[in-house]
């Protein structure tokens, strides 16, 4: 229990510092969303986060969760992964890194062994395009959804 309390305190402190540095207030709703996000490796949707934090904050609204997520992203505490189908998931790791996405179940996972060309950040692809970040998504099938060959 002391370990969880220490982790929660550490997460709250990081959140408080980042919010204050960006002119934002620390609220219990933002803290609950941030804690849930940090404790989840599945890159949850806003709906997933809403369902996850309602146990601790039964009066929280989905709109409040969306606003908290927007704030976390703007403060550099999370990243929003947007997909071509309009869906979005959230990642507590705001650093440039790669993701894999299953074409069947939609599971999104970090791919730590695939290097991101970080040297591109801040550079230019051409005279009229300056790179601000790199996102690489590898699509395919997770172990559970891999089609059986016949």
C-alpha atoms as a PDB file:
ATOM      1  CA  UNK A   1       0.000   0.000   0.000  1.00  0.00           C
ATOM      2  CA  UNK A   2       2.843   2.406   0.809  1.00  0.00           C
ATOM      3  CA  UNK A   3       4.254   1.759  -2.666  1.00  0.00           C
ATOM      4  CA  UNK A   4       0.979   2.769  -4.324  1.00  0.00           C
ATOM      5  CA  UNK A   5       0.800   5.864  -2.143  1.00  0.00           C
ATOM      6  CA  UNK A   6       4.368   6.814  -3.083  1.00  0.00           C
ATOM      7  CA  UNK A   7       3.609   6.313  -6.795  1.00  0.00           C
ATOM      8  CA  UNK A   8       0.410   8.329  -6.499  1.00  0.00           C
ATOM      9  CA  UNK A   9       2.229  11.125  -4.702  1.00  0.00           C
ATOM     10  CA  UNK A  10       4.990  11.113  -7.333  1.00  0.00           C
ATOM     11  CA  UNK A  11       2.437  11.255 -10.183  1.00  0.00           C
ATOM     12  CA  UNK A  12       0.499  14.033  -8.457  1.00  0.00           C
ATOM     13  CA  UNK A  13       3.676  16.045  -7.927  1.00  0.00           C
ATOM     14  CA  UNK A  14       4.700  15.712 -11.593  1.00  0.00           C
ATOM     15  CA  UNK A  15       1.175  16.699 -12.620  1.00  0.00           C
ATOM     16  CA  UNK A  16       1.086  19.679 -10.260  1.00  0.00           C
ATOM     17  CA  UNK A  17       4.449  20.995 -11.518  1.00  0.00           C
ATOM     18  CA  UNK A  18       3.556  20.606 -15.201  1.00  0.00           C
ATOM     19  CA  UNK A  19       0.150  22.222 -14.743  1.00  0.00           C
ATOM     20  CA  UNK A  20       1.557  25.177 -12.821  1.00  0.00           C
ATOM     21  CA  UNK A  21       4.331  25.655 -15.400  1.00  0.00           C
ATOM     22  CA  UNK A  22       1.594  25.946 -18.035  1.00  0.00           C
ATOM     23  CA  UNK A  23      -0.664  28.256 -16.046  1.00  0.00           C
ATOM     24  CA  UNK A  24      -3.175  25.535 -15.205  1.00  0.00           C
ATOM     25  CA  UNK A  25      -4.715  24.512 -11.884  1.00  0.00           C
ATOM     26  CA  UNK A  26      -4.325  21.132 -10.203  1.00  0.00           C
ATOM     27  CA  UNK A  27      -7.761  19.546  -9.763  1.00  0.00           C
ATOM     28  CA  UNK A  28      -8.802  16.173  -8.422  1.00  0.00           C
ATOM     29  CA  UNK A  29     -10.467  15.381 -11.767  1.00  0.00           C
ATOM     30  CA  UNK A  30      -7.245  16.037 -13.691  1.00  0.00           C
ATOM     31  CA  UNK A  31      -5.304  14.021 -11.132  1.00  0.00           C
ATOM     32  CA  UNK A  32      -7.692  11.059 -11.422  1.00  0.00           C
ATOM     33  CA  UNK A  33      -7.435  11.082 -15.231  1.00  0.00           C
ATOM     34  CA  UNK A  34      -3.641  11.365 -15.079  1.00  0.00           C
ATOM     35  CA  UNK A  35      -3.339   8.542 -12.506  1.00  0.00           C
ATOM     36  CA  UNK A  36      -5.528   6.275 -14.606  1.00  0.00           C
ATOM     37  CA  UNK A  37      -3.566   7.059 -17.745  1.00  0.00           C
ATOM     38  CA  UNK A  38      -0.212   6.447 -16.030  1.00  0.00           C
ATOM     39  CA  UNK A  39      -1.407   3.114 -14.664  1.00  0.00           C
ATOM     40  CA  UNK A  40      -2.596   1.846 -18.029  1.00  0.00           C
ATOM     41  CA  UNK A  41      -0.424   0.436 -20.809  1.00  0.00           C
ATOM     42  CA  UNK A  42      -3.277  -0.176 -23.262  1.00  0.00           C
ATOM     43  CA  UNK A  43      -3.499   3.382 -24.669  1.00  0.00           C
ATOM     44  CA  UNK A  44      -7.115   3.889 -23.583  1.00  0.00           C
ATOM     45  CA  UNK A  45      -9.824   5.920 -25.275  1.00  0.00           C
ATOM     46  CA  UNK A  46     -11.514   8.804 -23.472  1.00  0.00           C
ATOM     47  CA  UNK A  47     -14.490   6.488 -22.865  1.00  0.00           C
ATOM     48  CA  UNK A  48     -12.177   3.881 -21.293  1.00  0.00           C
ATOM     49  CA  UNK A  49     -10.690   6.526 -19.009  1.00  0.00           C
ATOM     50  CA  UNK A  50     -14.139   7.826 -18.094  1.00  0.00           C
ATOM     51  CA  UNK A  51     -15.244   4.320 -17.090  1.00  0.00           C
ATOM     52  CA  UNK A  52     -12.013   3.819 -15.152  1.00  0.00           C
ATOM     53  CA  UNK A  53     -12.173   6.986 -13.070  1.00  0.00           C
ATOM     54  CA  UNK A  54     -15.885   6.860 -12.256  1.00  0.00           C
ATOM     55  CA  UNK A  55     -15.163   4.477  -9.380  1.00  0.00           C
ATOM     56  CA  UNK A  56     -13.079   7.115  -7.632  1.00  0.00           C
ATOM     57  CA  UNK A  57     -15.095  10.125  -8.836  1.00  0.00           C
ATOM     58  CA  UNK A  58     -18.699   9.049  -9.509  1.00  0.00           C
ATOM     59  CA  UNK A  59     -19.788  12.615 -10.382  1.00  0.00           C
ATOM     60  CA  UNK A  60     -17.171  13.144 -13.104  1.00  0.00           C
ATOM     61  CA  UNK A  61     -18.589  13.731 -16.588  1.00  0.00           C
ATOM     62  CA  UNK A  62     -17.267  12.546 -19.925  1.00  0.00           C
ATOM     63  CA  UNK A  63     -16.838  16.205 -20.917  1.00  0.00           C
ATOM     64  CA  UNK A  64     -14.598  16.749 -17.871  1.00  0.00           C
ATOM     65  CA  UNK A  65     -12.499  13.738 -18.873  1.00  0.00           C
ATOM     66  CA  UNK A  66     -12.079  15.157 -22.390  1.00  0.00           C
ATOM     67  CA  UNK A  67     -11.089  18.561 -20.996  1.00  0.00           C
ATOM     68  CA  UNK A  68      -8.613  16.957 -18.582  1.00  0.00           C
ATOM     69  CA  UNK A  69      -7.070  14.966 -21.446  1.00  0.00           C
ATOM     70  CA  UNK A  70      -6.751  18.107 -23.585  1.00  0.00           C
ATOM     71  CA  UNK A  71      -4.977  19.811 -20.686  1.00  0.00           C
ATOM     72  CA  UNK A  72      -2.612  16.862 -20.150  1.00  0.00           C
ATOM     73  CA  UNK A  73      -1.720  16.831 -23.850  1.00  0.00           C
ATOM     74  CA  UNK A  74      -1.163  20.598 -23.953  1.00  0.00           C
ATOM     75  CA  UNK A  75       1.124  20.379 -20.896  1.00  0.00           C
ATOM     76  CA  UNK A  76       3.210  17.594 -22.462  1.00  0.00           C
ATOM     77  CA  UNK A  77       2.100  14.953 -19.958  1.00  0.00           C
ATOM     78  CA  UNK A  78       0.367  12.762 -22.522  1.00  0.00           C
ATOM     79  CA  UNK A  79       0.012  12.353 -26.230  1.00  0.00           C
ATOM     80  CA  UNK A  80      -3.102  11.880 -28.315  1.00  0.00           C
ATOM     81  CA  UNK A  81      -2.908   9.140 -30.906  1.00  0.00           C
ATOM     82  CA  UNK A  82      -5.350   9.932 -33.702  1.00  0.00           C
ATOM     83  CA  UNK A  83      -6.228   7.359 -36.314  1.00  0.00           C
ATOM     84  CA  UNK A  84      -7.643   7.658 -39.816  1.00  0.00           C
ATOM     85  CA  UNK A  85     -11.031   6.353 -38.705  1.00  0.00           C
ATOM     86  CA  UNK A  86     -11.482   9.326 -36.363  1.00  0.00           C
ATOM     87  CA  UNK A  87     -10.788   7.375 -33.189  1.00  0.00           C
ATOM     88  CA  UNK A  88      -8.264   8.555 -30.627  1.00  0.00           C
ATOM     89  CA  UNK A  89      -6.345   6.944 -27.811  1.00  0.00           C
ATOM     90  CA  UNK A  90      -4.149   8.491 -25.160  1.00  0.00           C
ATOM     91  CA  UNK A  91      -0.609   7.641 -24.143  1.00  0.00           C
ATOM     92  CA  UNK A  92       1.071   8.798 -20.920  1.00  0.00           C
ATOM     93  CA  UNK A  93       4.400   8.785 -22.730  1.00  0.00           C
ATOM     94  CA  UNK A  94       4.650  12.042 -24.663  1.00  0.00           C
ATOM     95  CA  UNK A  95       8.091  11.211 -26.092  1.00  0.00           C
ATOM     96  CA  UNK A  96       8.371  10.206 -29.738  1.00  0.00           C
ATOM     97  CA  UNK A  97       8.054   6.429 -29.999  1.00  0.00           C
ATOM     98  CA  UNK A  98       6.432   3.833 -32.245  1.00  0.00           C
ATOM     99  CA  UNK A  99       3.104   2.052 -31.865  1.00  0.00           C
ATOM    100  CA  UNK A 100       1.557  -1.071 -33.295  1.00  0.00           C
ATOM    101  CA  UNK A 101      -2.198  -1.212 -33.963  1.00  0.00           C
ATOM    102  CA  UNK A 102      -4.174  -4.385 -34.585  1.00  0.00           C
ATOM    103  CA  UNK A 103      -6.408  -4.130 -37.648  1.00  0.00           C
ATOM    104  CA  UNK A 104      -9.008  -6.433 -36.071  1.00  0.00           C
ATOM    105  CA  UNK A 105      -9.384  -5.557 -32.371  1.00  0.00           C
ATOM    106  CA  UNK A 106      -7.789  -2.091 -32.461  1.00  0.00           C
ATOM    107  CA  UNK A 107      -5.301  -2.798 -29.657  1.00  0.00           C
ATOM    108  CA  UNK A 108      -2.516  -0.209 -29.578  1.00  0.00           C
ATOM    109  CA  UNK A 109       0.839  -1.002 -27.994  1.00  0.00           C
ATOM    110  CA  UNK A 110       4.226   0.652 -27.691  1.00  0.00           C
ATOM    111  CA  UNK A 111       6.980  -0.820 -29.842  1.00  0.00           C
ATOM    112  CA  UNK A 112      10.107  -0.055 -27.804  1.00  0.00           C
ATOM    113  CA  UNK A 113      12.602  -1.807 -30.073  1.00  0.00           C
ATOM    114  CA  UNK A 114      11.710   0.127 -33.224  1.00  0.00           C
ATOM    115  CA  UNK A 115      13.825   3.303 -33.366  1.00  0.00           C
ATOM    116  CA  UNK A 116      12.193   6.626 -34.174  1.00  0.00           C
ATOM    117  CA  UNK A 117      14.300   8.927 -36.349  1.00  0.00           C
ATOM    118  CA  UNK A 118      14.596  11.538 -33.586  1.00  0.00           C
ATOM    119  CA  UNK A 119      17.301  13.369 -35.470  1.00  0.00           C
ATOM    120  CA  UNK A 120      14.533  14.624 -37.767  1.00  0.00           C
ATOM    121  CA  UNK A 121      12.857  16.643 -34.994  1.00  0.00           C
ATOM    122  CA  UNK A 122      13.704  20.311 -35.386  1.00  0.00           C
ATOM    123  CA  UNK A 123      15.104  19.654 -38.839  1.00  0.00           C
ATOM    124  CA  UNK A 124      13.618  20.171 -42.253  1.00  0.00           C
ATOM    125  CA  UNK A 125      12.319  17.706 -44.791  1.00  0.00           C
ATOM    126  CA  UNK A 126      12.405  20.389 -47.429  1.00  0.00           C
ATOM    127  CA  UNK A 127      12.687  24.153 -47.641  1.00  0.00           C
ATOM    128  CA  UNK A 128       9.014  24.526 -46.713  1.00  0.00           C
ATOM    129  CA  UNK A 129       8.548  21.904 -43.952  1.00  0.00           C
ATOM    130  CA  UNK A 130      10.064  21.927 -40.449  1.00  0.00           C
ATOM    131  CA  UNK A 131       9.655  18.710 -38.431  1.00  0.00           C
ATOM    132  CA  UNK A 132       8.094  19.102 -34.975  1.00  0.00           C
ATOM    133  CA  UNK A 133       7.625  15.438 -34.113  1.00  0.00           C
ATOM    134  CA  UNK A 134       7.630  11.956 -35.538  1.00  0.00           C
ATOM    135  CA  UNK A 135       4.858   9.375 -35.180  1.00  0.00           C
ATOM    136  CA  UNK A 136       5.212   5.911 -36.559  1.00  0.00           C
ATOM    137  CA  UNK A 137       2.348   3.439 -36.502  1.00  0.00           C
ATOM    138  CA  UNK A 138       2.835  -0.156 -37.566  1.00  0.00           C
ATOM    139  CA  UNK A 139      -0.425  -1.905 -38.465  1.00  0.00           C
ATOM    140  CA  UNK A 140      -1.080  -5.621 -38.575  1.00  0.00           C
ATOM    141  CA  UNK A 141      -2.509  -8.347 -36.368  1.00  0.00           C
ATOM    142  CA  UNK A 142      -1.940  -8.984 -32.681  1.00  0.00           C
ATOM    143  CA  UNK A 143      -1.358 -12.552 -31.501  1.00  0.00           C
ATOM    144  CA  UNK A 144      -5.054 -13.063 -30.701  1.00  0.00           C
ATOM    145  CA  UNK A 145      -6.275 -11.799 -34.074  1.00  0.00           C
ATOM    146  CA  UNK A 146      -3.683 -13.269 -36.466  1.00  0.00           C
ATOM    147  CA  UNK A 147      -5.583 -14.921 -39.318  1.00  0.00           C
ATOM    148  CA  UNK A 148      -5.129 -18.672 -39.560  1.00  0.00           C
ATOM    149  CA  UNK A 149      -3.486 -19.719 -42.820  1.00  0.00           C
ATOM    150  CA  UNK A 150      -5.156 -22.542 -44.701  1.00  0.00           C
END
